Amino acid sequence: MSPNPEILKQIVTVKMPFGKFSGRILCDLPIEYLEWFKRQGGFPKGKLGIQLDTVYEIKLNGLEDIIRELKKRFRP
């Protein structure tokens, strides 16, 4: 299954709406914070959860090059 292009765009443009890293772009969240979320029962439901899970999977699998390319494409 290929990733949703809109979700990929969002992970480099949408800011975390709450918590310790409120205001930080989702792709810039530390992996430790994403792991903490997973341990606490998982990511929130809905679009934010999908976005966070996407960032988690990219970072977990060492695919940060994808994030760098998305930043070049979608961030000024």
Protein backbone atom coordinates (compact mmCIF):
# COMPACT_ATOMS: atom_id res chain seq x y z
CA MET A 1 0.00 0.00 0.00
CA SER A 2 1.47 3.36 -0.97
CA PRO A 3 1.30 6.34 1.40
CA ASN A 4 -1.34 9.00 0.93
CA PRO A 5 0.38 12.00 -0.75
CA GLU A 6 -1.76 14.45 1.22
CA ILE A 7 -0.64 12.89 4.53
CA LEU A 8 2.99 13.13 3.41
CA LYS A 9 2.52 16.83 2.67
CA GLN A 10 0.82 17.36 6.01
CA ILE A 11 3.58 15.78 8.10
CA VAL A 12 5.98 18.53 6.97
CA THR A 13 3.51 21.41 7.29
CA VAL A 14 1.14 20.66 10.20
CA LYS A 15 2.09 21.61 13.76
CA MET A 16 1.53 19.46 16.83
CA PRO A 17 -1.61 20.94 18.42
CA PHE A 18 -0.95 20.01 22.06
CA GLY A 19 1.46 18.59 24.60
CA LYS A 20 5.13 18.98 25.33
CA PHE A 21 5.95 19.69 21.68
CA SER A 22 2.95 21.87 20.87
CA GLY A 23 3.69 24.08 17.87
CA ARG A 24 6.44 21.87 16.45
CA ILE A 25 6.05 20.55 12.88
CA LEU A 26 5.03 16.88 13.08
CA CYS A 27 8.03 15.59 11.15
CA ASP A 28 10.33 17.36 13.63
CA LEU A 29 8.97 15.49 16.66
CA PRO A 30 11.63 13.33 18.31
CA ILE A 31 11.27 9.57 17.86
CA GLU A 32 11.32 9.20 21.66
CA TYR A 33 8.13 11.26 21.90
CA LEU A 34 6.45 9.15 19.22
CA GLU A 35 7.54 5.97 21.02
CA TRP A 36 6.12 7.36 24.25
CA PHE A 37 2.78 7.92 22.51
CA LYS A 38 2.79 4.31 21.32
CA ARG A 39 3.48 3.03 24.83
CA GLN A 40 0.67 5.16 26.28
CA GLY A 41 -1.97 3.37 24.25
CA GLY A 42 -1.30 4.60 20.76
CA PHE A 43 -1.74 7.71 18.70
CA PRO A 44 -4.92 9.80 18.81
CA LYS A 45 -7.81 8.77 16.58
CA GLY A 46 -8.39 10.50 13.27
CA LYS A 47 -6.14 12.47 10.97
CA LEU A 48 -3.60 13.48 13.62
CA GLY A 49 -3.10 9.85 14.59
CA ILE A 50 -2.50 8.87 10.97
CA GLN A 51 -0.02 11.73 10.57
CA LEU A 52 1.87 10.81 13.75
CA ASP A 53 1.93 7.13 12.85
CA THR A 54 3.33 8.01 9.42
CA VAL A 55 6.15 10.07 10.97
CA TYR A 56 6.81 7.26 13.47
CA GLU A 57 7.09 4.60 10.75
CA ILE A 58 9.37 6.78 8.62
CA LYS A 59 11.71 7.47 11.54
CA LEU A 60 11.54 3.93 12.93
CA ASN A 61 12.66 2.53 9.59
CA GLY A 62 15.48 5.04 9.09
CA LEU A 63 13.80 6.76 6.14
CA GLU A 64 14.43 10.37 7.17
CA ASP A 65 15.56 11.10 3.60
CA ILE A 66 11.86 11.03 2.71
CA ILE A 67 11.22 13.79 5.24
CA ARG A 68 14.11 15.89 3.90
CA GLU A 69 12.75 15.61 0.35
CA LEU A 70 9.22 16.47 1.48
CA LYS A 71 10.51 19.54 3.32
CA LYS A 72 12.26 20.75 0.15
CA ARG A 73 9.08 20.28 -1.83
CA PHE A 74 6.44 21.63 0.53
CA ARG A 75 8.12 24.08 2.89
CA PRO A 76 9.32 27.49 1.78
